[in-house]
Structures are given as C-alpha cells and as structure tokens.
C-alpha cells in the first residue's frame, strides 16, 4: 500500500499546473478511499459466509418449517407462513391451510446436499410408511424437498418434483 501511495504522489508531483495537481490528488485520494472501503466490505462479507448449518440442524429447521406452514397434523403458525407461487390463487388463509393440512409427514424422510444447500425430503401422507418395503423406500415416492441454505440465509419448499431415489434415507 505504501508503494502505491508513493507512486500516486510521484504522478501528482509531475503535474506543472497547481489546479490540475490538486484535482488529480483529490481524485486519487477518493479512489484510494473507495478501494480501502471495498476491501473492508469484502472481508466482512466473506467472514459472514463462514457459518455452515450442520445436517442435524438443517433437518430440525426443515421439520419446523413444514409444521409451521401447516403441512402436518400440527396447527400452522400463521405469523410464520411462507407462501408459494400458487398460494396467491387461494381465496383466504383458511382455504390455504385447509389444502396444506396433513400433506406431509412431520419427520424428514431423506436428505441430500450440494455445496450450498441441504435438501430435506418429506414424504406425502398419501403413502403408508408401514407398507413400504426396502425397494419401494428407494424409489421416487411422492413428497417435497425443503431447501435449507447451508450459510443460514434461507429456507423454502422446493418447486421441483423430488427425486427421493437419489437421496439418503433417514
């Protein structure tokens, strides 16, 4: 940094016009301050992203999300409702919660991950768990994935058809 500042001063000193020298000095100072602030911002944001949610925590968060949003037998927590794209076509919150009620089991069925996200699978209650054999458990059964960001920035219900066959069963 000191070398850069000395180089800037030598450029400013080479100017013959005092007004031009002042303006050039001001521009370099502003540029240097901007660079310094940008460096601080990059350092702070990269530090914030070092938080990683564990598998156990992701499962707990996903199970709570499914329950809070009314997809299980438990009553929904209206203040914590997360809305999906097609929810806007519901006439009321009551009809939305009625449609969601008991759609998925309250315990996670499977899990998979990539570098940034945990995918926690919840099996549809249309499937009787007690009747599933080993082969059926490994197939693509009906249900949904809950996506939990590993950095803790968000949680949401996935919109794609789940491929539970590719996920590890819990």
N, C-alpha and C. Protein backbone atom coordinates (compact mmCIF):
# COMPACT_ATOMS: atom_id res chain seq x y z
N UNK A 1 0.82 -1.18 0.00
CA UNK A 1 0.00 0.00 0.00
C UNK A 1 0.87 1.26 0.00
N UNK A 2 1.93 1.21 0.78
CA UNK A 2 2.80 2.38 0.85
C UNK A 2 3.43 2.66 -0.52
N UNK A 3 3.82 1.62 -1.20
CA UNK A 3 4.40 1.77 -2.53
C UNK A 3 3.41 2.43 -3.49
N UNK A 4 2.15 1.99 -3.42
CA UNK A 4 1.12 2.55 -4.30
C UNK A 4 0.93 4.03 -4.01
N UNK A 5 0.86 4.37 -2.72
CA UNK A 5 0.68 5.78 -2.36
C UNK A 5 1.87 6.64 -2.81
N UNK A 6 3.10 6.12 -2.70
CA UNK A 6 4.28 6.86 -3.16
C UNK A 6 4.22 7.05 -4.68
N UNK A 7 3.75 6.05 -5.39
CA UNK A 7 3.63 6.13 -6.85
C UNK A 7 2.61 7.20 -7.23
N UNK A 8 1.50 7.24 -6.51
CA UNK A 8 0.46 8.25 -6.77
C UNK A 8 1.03 9.64 -6.53
N UNK A 9 1.78 9.81 -5.45
CA UNK A 9 2.36 11.12 -5.14
C UNK A 9 3.36 11.55 -6.20
N UNK A 10 4.10 10.60 -6.76
CA UNK A 10 5.07 10.96 -7.82
C UNK A 10 4.34 11.40 -9.09
N UNK A 11 3.18 10.81 -9.37
CA UNK A 11 2.40 11.23 -10.54
C UNK A 11 1.86 12.63 -10.32
N UNK A 12 1.35 12.88 -9.13
CA UNK A 12 0.79 14.19 -8.81
C UNK A 12 1.88 15.25 -8.86
N UNK A 13 3.06 14.93 -8.35
CA UNK A 13 4.17 15.88 -8.35
C UNK A 13 4.66 16.21 -9.74
N UNK A 14 4.40 15.34 -10.73
CA UNK A 14 4.86 15.57 -12.10
C UNK A 14 4.01 16.61 -12.83
N UNK A 15 2.85 16.95 -12.29
CA UNK A 15 1.97 17.94 -12.91
C UNK A 15 2.57 19.33 -12.74
N UNK A 16 2.49 20.15 -13.77
CA UNK A 16 3.03 21.51 -13.71
C UNK A 16 2.00 22.53 -13.27
N UNK A 17 0.73 22.26 -13.51
CA UNK A 17 -0.34 23.20 -13.14
C UNK A 17 -0.81 22.90 -11.72
N UNK A 18 -0.81 23.90 -10.81
CA UNK A 18 -1.25 23.66 -9.44
C UNK A 18 -2.71 23.18 -9.32
N UNK A 19 -3.61 23.76 -10.16
CA UNK A 19 -5.02 23.35 -10.11
C UNK A 19 -5.18 21.90 -10.54
N UNK A 20 -4.47 21.53 -11.60
CA UNK A 20 -4.53 20.16 -12.11
C UNK A 20 -3.96 19.20 -11.06
N UNK A 21 -2.91 19.59 -10.40
CA UNK A 21 -2.29 18.77 -9.36
C UNK A 21 -3.25 18.53 -8.20
N UNK A 22 -3.97 19.58 -7.76
CA UNK A 22 -4.93 19.44 -6.67
C UNK A 22 -6.08 18.51 -7.05
N UNK A 23 -6.60 18.70 -8.27
CA UNK A 23 -7.72 17.87 -8.72
C UNK A 23 -7.30 16.41 -8.85
N UNK A 24 -6.12 16.20 -9.41
CA UNK A 24 -5.60 14.85 -9.57
C UNK A 24 -5.36 14.20 -8.20
N UNK A 25 -4.85 14.98 -7.28
CA UNK A 25 -4.62 14.47 -5.93
C UNK A 25 -5.95 14.07 -5.28
N UNK A 26 -6.95 14.93 -5.43
CA UNK A 26 -8.28 14.63 -4.87
C UNK A 26 -8.86 13.34 -5.47
N UNK A 27 -8.76 13.20 -6.79
CA UNK A 27 -9.28 12.01 -7.46
C UNK A 27 -8.59 10.74 -6.98
N UNK A 28 -7.29 10.80 -6.81
CA UNK A 28 -6.56 9.62 -6.34
C UNK A 28 -6.91 9.29 -4.88
N UNK A 29 -7.10 10.30 -4.06
CA UNK A 29 -7.48 10.07 -2.67
C UNK A 29 -8.85 9.41 -2.60
N UNK A 30 -9.79 9.91 -3.39
CA UNK A 30 -11.13 9.31 -3.41
C UNK A 30 -11.06 7.87 -3.90
N UNK A 31 -10.29 7.63 -4.94
CA UNK A 31 -10.14 6.28 -5.47
C UNK A 31 -9.50 5.36 -4.43
N UNK A 32 -8.48 5.84 -3.76
CA UNK A 32 -7.81 5.07 -2.72
C UNK A 32 -8.77 4.75 -1.57
N UNK A 33 -9.58 5.73 -1.13
CA UNK A 33 -10.55 5.51 -0.06
C UNK A 33 -11.60 4.47 -0.49
N UNK A 34 -12.04 4.57 -1.74
CA UNK A 34 -13.02 3.60 -2.26
C UNK A 34 -12.46 2.20 -2.26
N UNK A 35 -11.21 2.08 -2.68
CA UNK A 35 -10.55 0.77 -2.70
C UNK A 35 -10.44 0.21 -1.28
N UNK A 36 -10.09 1.07 -0.34
CA UNK A 36 -9.96 0.66 1.06
C UNK A 36 -11.30 0.18 1.61
N UNK A 37 -12.38 0.94 1.37
CA UNK A 37 -13.70 0.55 1.86
C UNK A 37 -14.19 -0.73 1.20
N UNK A 38 -13.91 -0.89 -0.08
CA UNK A 38 -14.29 -2.12 -0.77
C UNK A 38 -13.56 -3.32 -0.17
N UNK A 39 -12.30 -3.16 0.17
CA UNK A 39 -11.53 -4.24 0.80
C UNK A 39 -12.14 -4.62 2.14
N UNK A 40 -12.54 -3.64 2.92
CA UNK A 40 -13.17 -3.92 4.22
C UNK A 40 -14.49 -4.65 4.01
N UNK A 41 -15.31 -4.19 3.06
CA UNK A 41 -16.61 -4.82 2.79
C UNK A 41 -16.44 -6.27 2.36
N UNK A 42 -15.48 -6.55 1.50
CA UNK A 42 -15.22 -7.93 1.05
C UNK A 42 -14.80 -8.79 2.23
N UNK A 43 -13.97 -8.26 3.09
CA UNK A 43 -13.53 -9.01 4.27
C UNK A 43 -14.68 -9.32 5.21
N UNK A 44 -15.56 -8.37 5.43
CA UNK A 44 -16.70 -8.56 6.34
C UNK A 44 -17.68 -9.57 5.76
N UNK A 45 -18.01 -9.45 4.47
CA UNK A 45 -18.99 -10.36 3.87
C UNK A 45 -18.44 -11.77 3.76
N UNK A 46 -17.16 -11.92 3.50
CA UNK A 46 -16.62 -13.28 3.43
C UNK A 46 -16.56 -13.90 4.82
N UNK A 47 -16.39 -13.09 5.85
CA UNK A 47 -16.41 -13.62 7.22
C UNK A 47 -17.81 -14.11 7.58
N UNK A 48 -18.85 -13.37 7.14
CA UNK A 48 -20.22 -13.74 7.45
C UNK A 48 -20.60 -15.08 6.81
N UNK A 49 -20.05 -15.41 5.68
CA UNK A 49 -20.41 -16.63 4.97
C UNK A 49 -19.68 -17.86 5.49
N UNK A 50 -18.93 -17.74 6.56
CA UNK A 50 -18.23 -18.90 7.08
C UNK A 50 -19.14 -19.76 7.96
N UNK A 51 -20.34 -19.27 8.28
CA UNK A 51 -21.29 -20.05 9.07
C UNK A 51 -21.82 -21.18 8.20
N UNK A 52 -21.82 -22.39 8.71
CA UNK A 52 -22.35 -23.53 7.99
C UNK A 52 -23.31 -24.29 8.89
N UNK A 53 -24.51 -24.49 8.40
CA UNK A 53 -25.53 -25.23 9.16
C UNK A 53 -25.25 -26.72 9.02
N UNK A 54 -25.25 -27.42 10.13
CA UNK A 54 -24.99 -28.87 10.12
C UNK A 54 -26.21 -29.62 9.59
N UNK A 55 -26.01 -30.89 9.27
CA UNK A 55 -27.09 -31.74 8.78
C UNK A 55 -28.21 -31.85 9.82
N UNK A 56 -27.84 -32.07 11.07
CA UNK A 56 -28.83 -32.22 12.14
C UNK A 56 -29.66 -30.94 12.28
N UNK A 57 -28.99 -29.79 12.26
CA UNK A 57 -29.69 -28.51 12.38
C UNK A 57 -30.60 -28.29 11.17
N UNK A 58 -30.11 -28.61 9.98
CA UNK A 58 -30.93 -28.45 8.76
C UNK A 58 -32.19 -29.29 8.84
N UNK A 59 -32.09 -30.50 9.33
CA UNK A 59 -33.27 -31.38 9.46
C UNK A 59 -34.26 -30.79 10.46
N UNK A 60 -33.76 -30.31 11.59
CA UNK A 60 -34.64 -29.69 12.59
C UNK A 60 -35.34 -28.46 12.03
N UNK A 61 -34.59 -27.62 11.32
CA UNK A 61 -35.17 -26.42 10.71
C UNK A 61 -36.24 -26.78 9.68
N UNK A 62 -35.97 -27.79 8.87
CA UNK A 62 -36.92 -28.21 7.84
C UNK A 62 -38.19 -28.79 8.47
N UNK A 63 -38.03 -29.61 9.50
CA UNK A 63 -39.20 -30.18 10.18
C UNK A 63 -40.04 -29.08 10.83
N UNK A 64 -39.39 -28.10 11.40
CA UNK A 64 -40.12 -26.97 12.00
C UNK A 64 -40.82 -26.16 10.91
N UNK A 65 -40.16 -25.96 9.78
CA UNK A 65 -40.74 -25.21 8.65
C UNK A 65 -42.01 -25.89 8.14
N UNK A 66 -41.95 -27.22 7.97
CA UNK A 66 -43.11 -27.98 7.48
C UNK A 66 -44.27 -27.86 8.48
N UNK A 67 -43.97 -27.96 9.76
CA UNK A 67 -45.02 -27.85 10.78
C UNK A 67 -45.59 -26.42 10.85
N UNK A 68 -44.70 -25.42 10.89
CA UNK A 68 -45.15 -24.02 11.00
C UNK A 68 -46.04 -23.60 9.84
N UNK A 69 -45.82 -24.19 8.67
CA UNK A 69 -46.57 -23.81 7.48
C UNK A 69 -47.82 -24.65 7.23
N UNK A 70 -48.16 -25.50 8.20
CA UNK A 70 -49.43 -26.21 8.14
C UNK A 70 -49.47 -27.45 7.28
N UNK A 71 -48.32 -28.03 6.96
CA UNK A 71 -48.30 -29.22 6.10
C UNK A 71 -48.46 -30.52 6.89
N UNK A 72 -48.45 -30.46 8.20
CA UNK A 72 -48.55 -31.66 9.04
C UNK A 72 -49.89 -31.64 9.80
N UNK A 73 -50.05 -32.55 10.73
CA UNK A 73 -51.25 -32.58 11.58
C UNK A 73 -51.26 -31.45 12.60
N UNK A 74 -50.09 -30.90 12.88
CA UNK A 74 -49.99 -29.81 13.85
C UNK A 74 -50.60 -28.54 13.28
N UNK A 75 -51.15 -27.68 14.13
CA UNK A 75 -51.70 -26.41 13.62
C UNK A 75 -50.58 -25.49 13.11
N UNK A 76 -50.88 -24.78 12.04
CA UNK A 76 -49.91 -23.85 11.45
C UNK A 76 -49.70 -22.64 12.35
N UNK A 77 -48.53 -22.03 12.22
CA UNK A 77 -48.25 -20.78 12.92
C UNK A 77 -48.42 -19.66 11.88
N UNK A 78 -49.56 -19.02 11.93
CA UNK A 78 -49.95 -18.04 10.91
C UNK A 78 -48.91 -16.94 10.71
N UNK A 79 -48.24 -16.53 11.76
CA UNK A 79 -47.25 -15.46 11.64
C UNK A 79 -45.98 -15.93 10.93
N UNK A 80 -45.80 -17.24 10.80
CA UNK A 80 -44.59 -17.78 10.17
C UNK A 80 -44.87 -18.37 8.79
N UNK A 81 -46.06 -18.16 8.25
CA UNK A 81 -46.42 -18.76 6.96
C UNK A 81 -45.50 -18.29 5.84
N UNK A 82 -45.09 -19.24 5.05
CA UNK A 82 -44.30 -18.96 3.85
C UNK A 82 -45.20 -19.28 2.67
N UNK A 83 -45.31 -18.34 1.75
CA UNK A 83 -46.23 -18.52 0.64
C UNK A 83 -45.50 -18.97 -0.62
N UNK A 84 -46.16 -19.87 -1.34
CA UNK A 84 -45.65 -20.36 -2.61
C UNK A 84 -46.33 -19.60 -3.74
N UNK A 85 -45.83 -19.77 -4.94
CA UNK A 85 -46.34 -19.04 -6.09
C UNK A 85 -47.84 -19.25 -6.29
N UNK A 86 -48.30 -20.49 -6.22
CA UNK A 86 -49.72 -20.76 -6.49
C UNK A 86 -50.62 -20.46 -5.30
N UNK A 87 -50.07 -20.12 -4.16
CA UNK A 87 -50.88 -19.78 -2.99
C UNK A 87 -51.69 -18.50 -3.21
N UNK A 88 -51.26 -17.67 -4.12
CA UNK A 88 -51.97 -16.40 -4.35
C UNK A 88 -53.36 -16.62 -4.95
N UNK A 89 -53.61 -17.83 -5.46
CA UNK A 89 -54.92 -18.12 -6.04
C UNK A 89 -55.93 -18.60 -4.99
N UNK A 90 -55.49 -18.78 -3.77
CA UNK A 90 -56.39 -19.17 -2.69
C UNK A 90 -57.24 -17.96 -2.30
N UNK A 91 -58.48 -18.23 -1.93
CA UNK A 91 -59.39 -17.15 -1.53
C UNK A 91 -59.06 -16.57 -0.17
N UNK A 92 -58.50 -17.41 0.70
CA UNK A 92 -58.22 -16.96 2.06
C UNK A 92 -57.11 -17.81 2.67
N UNK A 93 -56.60 -17.35 3.78
CA UNK A 93 -55.60 -18.12 4.52
C UNK A 93 -56.21 -19.42 5.01
N UNK A 94 -57.49 -19.38 5.37
CA UNK A 94 -58.17 -20.59 5.83
C UNK A 94 -58.19 -21.68 4.76
N UNK A 95 -58.52 -21.30 3.53
CA UNK A 95 -58.55 -22.30 2.45
C UNK A 95 -57.14 -22.81 2.13
N UNK A 96 -56.15 -21.94 2.24
CA UNK A 96 -54.76 -22.33 2.04
C UNK A 96 -54.34 -23.37 3.08
N UNK A 97 -54.63 -23.09 4.33
CA UNK A 97 -54.25 -24.02 5.40
C UNK A 97 -55.04 -25.33 5.32
N UNK A 98 -56.27 -25.26 4.87
CA UNK A 98 -57.07 -26.47 4.70
C UNK A 98 -56.46 -27.36 3.61
N UNK A 99 -56.01 -26.75 2.52
CA UNK A 99 -55.36 -27.50 1.43
C UNK A 99 -54.04 -28.12 1.88
N UNK A 100 -53.29 -27.39 2.68
CA UNK A 100 -51.98 -27.87 3.14
C UNK A 100 -52.07 -28.93 4.24
N UNK A 101 -53.10 -28.87 5.05
CA UNK A 101 -53.21 -29.69 6.26
C UNK A 101 -52.96 -31.18 5.99
N UNK A 102 -52.02 -31.76 6.75
CA UNK A 102 -51.68 -33.18 6.71
C UNK A 102 -51.24 -33.65 5.31
N UNK A 103 -50.53 -32.79 4.59
CA UNK A 103 -50.00 -33.17 3.27
C UNK A 103 -48.74 -34.03 3.38
N UNK A 104 -47.92 -33.75 4.39
CA UNK A 104 -46.63 -34.44 4.55
C UNK A 104 -46.45 -34.92 5.98
N UNK A 105 -45.67 -35.98 6.12
CA UNK A 105 -45.31 -36.45 7.45
C UNK A 105 -44.44 -35.39 8.13
N UNK A 106 -44.49 -35.36 9.45
CA UNK A 106 -43.76 -34.32 10.18
C UNK A 106 -42.28 -34.63 10.38
N UNK A 107 -41.85 -35.85 10.09
CA UNK A 107 -40.44 -36.22 10.22
C UNK A 107 -39.81 -36.34 8.83
N UNK A 108 -38.59 -35.89 8.72
CA UNK A 108 -37.87 -35.96 7.44
C UNK A 108 -37.69 -37.42 7.01
N UNK A 109 -37.80 -37.65 5.72
CA UNK A 109 -37.70 -39.00 5.16
C UNK A 109 -36.31 -39.26 4.57
N UNK A 110 -35.73 -38.22 3.96
CA UNK A 110 -34.42 -38.39 3.31
C UNK A 110 -33.70 -37.04 3.24
N UNK A 111 -32.44 -37.10 2.82
CA UNK A 111 -31.64 -35.88 2.73
C UNK A 111 -30.59 -36.01 1.63
N UNK A 112 -30.31 -34.90 0.97
CA UNK A 112 -29.18 -34.81 0.04
C UNK A 112 -28.63 -33.39 0.15
N UNK A 113 -27.53 -33.14 -0.53
CA UNK A 113 -26.90 -31.82 -0.41
C UNK A 113 -26.06 -31.50 -1.63
N UNK A 114 -25.77 -30.23 -1.80
CA UNK A 114 -24.73 -29.77 -2.71
C UNK A 114 -23.87 -28.79 -1.92
N UNK A 115 -23.03 -28.02 -2.57
CA UNK A 115 -22.11 -27.14 -1.86
C UNK A 115 -22.81 -26.07 -1.01
N UNK A 116 -23.98 -25.64 -1.44
CA UNK A 116 -24.63 -24.52 -0.76
C UNK A 116 -25.95 -24.84 -0.07
N UNK A 117 -26.53 -26.02 -0.33
CA UNK A 117 -27.90 -26.28 0.12
C UNK A 117 -28.08 -27.70 0.64
N UNK A 118 -28.87 -27.82 1.71
CA UNK A 118 -29.36 -29.11 2.18
C UNK A 118 -30.74 -29.31 1.57
N UNK A 119 -31.05 -30.50 1.11
CA UNK A 119 -32.37 -30.85 0.58
C UNK A 119 -32.94 -31.92 1.50
N UNK A 120 -33.97 -31.55 2.26
CA UNK A 120 -34.57 -32.48 3.22
C UNK A 120 -35.92 -32.90 2.66
N UNK A 121 -36.08 -34.21 2.44
CA UNK A 121 -37.29 -34.73 1.82
C UNK A 121 -38.36 -35.11 2.83
N UNK A 122 -39.59 -34.74 2.50
CA UNK A 122 -40.75 -35.09 3.33
C UNK A 122 -41.72 -35.88 2.48
N UNK A 123 -42.06 -37.04 2.96
CA UNK A 123 -42.94 -37.97 2.25
C UNK A 123 -44.40 -37.54 2.38
N UNK A 124 -45.14 -37.68 1.28
CA UNK A 124 -46.56 -37.37 1.29
C UNK A 124 -47.30 -38.34 2.20
N UNK A 125 -48.32 -37.84 2.88
CA UNK A 125 -49.12 -38.71 3.75
C UNK A 125 -50.01 -39.65 2.95
N UNK A 126 -50.02 -39.51 1.62
CA UNK A 126 -50.76 -40.46 0.79
C UNK A 126 -50.05 -41.82 0.73
N UNK A 127 -48.80 -41.84 1.19
CA UNK A 127 -48.01 -43.07 1.24
C UNK A 127 -48.04 -43.62 2.66
N UNK A 128 -48.38 -44.90 2.80
CA UNK A 128 -48.38 -45.54 4.11
C UNK A 128 -46.98 -46.09 4.38
N UNK A 129 -46.26 -45.46 5.26
CA UNK A 129 -44.88 -45.85 5.58
C UNK A 129 -44.77 -47.29 6.04
N UNK A 130 -45.76 -47.77 6.75
CA UNK A 130 -45.70 -49.13 7.31
C UNK A 130 -45.78 -50.21 6.22
N UNK A 131 -46.26 -49.85 5.04
CA UNK A 131 -46.41 -50.82 3.95
C UNK A 131 -45.24 -50.82 2.96
N UNK A 132 -44.30 -49.90 3.14
CA UNK A 132 -43.18 -49.79 2.19
C UNK A 132 -42.12 -50.86 2.47
N UNK A 133 -41.70 -51.55 1.41
CA UNK A 133 -40.58 -52.48 1.56
C UNK A 133 -39.29 -51.73 1.20
N UNK A 134 -38.16 -52.40 1.29
CA UNK A 134 -36.86 -51.78 1.06
C UNK A 134 -36.73 -51.19 -0.34
N UNK A 135 -37.21 -51.91 -1.33
CA UNK A 135 -37.13 -51.44 -2.73
C UNK A 135 -38.00 -50.20 -2.92
N UNK A 136 -39.21 -50.22 -2.38
CA UNK A 136 -40.11 -49.08 -2.51
C UNK A 136 -39.55 -47.83 -1.82
N UNK A 137 -38.88 -48.01 -0.69
CA UNK A 137 -38.29 -46.87 0.02
C UNK A 137 -37.21 -46.17 -0.80
N UNK A 138 -36.58 -46.92 -1.72
CA UNK A 138 -35.51 -46.35 -2.55
C UNK A 138 -36.03 -45.72 -3.84
N UNK A 139 -37.34 -45.80 -4.08
CA UNK A 139 -37.90 -45.26 -5.32
C UNK A 139 -38.28 -43.78 -5.15
N UNK A 140 -38.77 -43.20 -6.22
CA UNK A 140 -39.19 -41.80 -6.20
C UNK A 140 -40.65 -41.70 -5.75
N UNK A 141 -40.83 -41.63 -4.47
CA UNK A 141 -42.15 -41.55 -3.86
C UNK A 141 -42.65 -40.11 -3.88
N UNK A 142 -43.97 -39.91 -3.74
CA UNK A 142 -44.49 -38.53 -3.72
C UNK A 142 -44.10 -37.80 -2.44
N UNK A 143 -43.82 -36.53 -2.58
CA UNK A 143 -43.43 -35.69 -1.45
C UNK A 143 -42.80 -34.41 -1.95
N UNK A 144 -42.11 -33.72 -1.06
CA UNK A 144 -41.44 -32.46 -1.42
C UNK A 144 -40.13 -32.35 -0.65
N UNK A 145 -39.20 -31.62 -1.25
CA UNK A 145 -37.96 -31.26 -0.57
C UNK A 145 -38.12 -29.88 0.04
N UNK A 146 -37.53 -29.70 1.21
CA UNK A 146 -37.36 -28.37 1.80
C UNK A 146 -35.89 -28.04 1.60
N UNK A 147 -35.61 -26.87 1.02
CA UNK A 147 -34.25 -26.43 0.77
C UNK A 147 -33.80 -25.52 1.92
N UNK A 148 -32.67 -25.90 2.53
CA UNK A 148 -32.11 -25.11 3.63
C UNK A 148 -30.71 -24.66 3.20
N UNK A 149 -30.52 -23.35 3.11
CA UNK A 149 -29.21 -22.82 2.72
C UNK A 149 -28.20 -23.11 3.82
N UNK A 150 -27.06 -23.64 3.44
CA UNK A 150 -26.03 -24.01 4.43
C UNK A 150 -25.46 -22.80 5.17
N UNK A 151 -25.51 -21.63 4.54
CA UNK A 151 -24.99 -20.42 5.19
C UNK A 151 -26.02 -19.78 6.11
N UNK A 152 -27.22 -20.36 6.17
CA UNK A 152 -28.24 -19.84 7.07
C UNK A 152 -29.07 -18.72 6.50
N UNK A 153 -28.98 -18.48 5.20
CA UNK A 153 -29.66 -17.33 4.62
C UNK A 153 -31.12 -17.58 4.26
N UNK A 154 -31.57 -18.83 4.26
CA UNK A 154 -32.97 -19.03 3.91
C UNK A 154 -33.41 -20.48 3.93
N UNK A 155 -34.74 -20.62 3.91
CA UNK A 155 -35.36 -21.94 3.88
C UNK A 155 -36.64 -21.81 3.06
N UNK A 156 -36.89 -22.78 2.18
CA UNK A 156 -38.09 -22.74 1.36
C UNK A 156 -38.45 -24.13 0.86
N UNK A 157 -39.70 -24.26 0.44
CA UNK A 157 -40.17 -25.51 -0.13
C UNK A 157 -39.75 -25.54 -1.60
N UNK A 158 -39.13 -26.63 -2.04
CA UNK A 158 -38.67 -26.75 -3.42
C UNK A 158 -39.88 -26.91 -4.34
N UNK A 159 -39.75 -26.41 -5.55
CA UNK A 159 -40.86 -26.46 -6.50
C UNK A 159 -40.73 -27.60 -7.50
N UNK A 160 -39.59 -28.25 -7.54
CA UNK A 160 -39.39 -29.35 -8.47
C UNK A 160 -39.91 -30.66 -7.89
N UNK A 161 -40.25 -31.59 -8.78
CA UNK A 161 -40.64 -32.93 -8.35
C UNK A 161 -39.42 -33.59 -7.71
N UNK A 162 -39.57 -34.09 -6.49
CA UNK A 162 -38.39 -34.64 -5.80
C UNK A 162 -37.95 -35.99 -6.36
N UNK A 163 -36.66 -36.19 -6.40
CA UNK A 163 -36.08 -37.48 -6.77
C UNK A 163 -35.54 -38.12 -5.49
N UNK A 164 -36.46 -38.66 -4.70
CA UNK A 164 -36.07 -39.26 -3.42
C UNK A 164 -35.15 -40.46 -3.62
N UNK A 165 -35.14 -41.06 -4.81
CA UNK A 165 -34.27 -42.22 -5.06
C UNK A 165 -32.80 -41.84 -4.97
N UNK A 166 -32.48 -40.57 -5.18
CA UNK A 166 -31.09 -40.12 -5.15
C UNK A 166 -30.66 -39.61 -3.77
N UNK A 167 -31.61 -39.55 -2.86
CA UNK A 167 -31.31 -39.03 -1.51
C UNK A 167 -31.09 -40.15 -0.52
N UNK A 168 -30.29 -39.86 0.50
CA UNK A 168 -30.02 -40.82 1.57
C UNK A 168 -31.21 -40.85 2.52
N UNK A 169 -31.68 -42.04 2.80
CA UNK A 169 -32.85 -42.19 3.68
C UNK A 169 -32.44 -42.02 5.14
N UNK A 170 -33.30 -41.41 5.90
CA UNK A 170 -33.03 -41.17 7.32
C UNK A 170 -33.72 -42.21 8.18
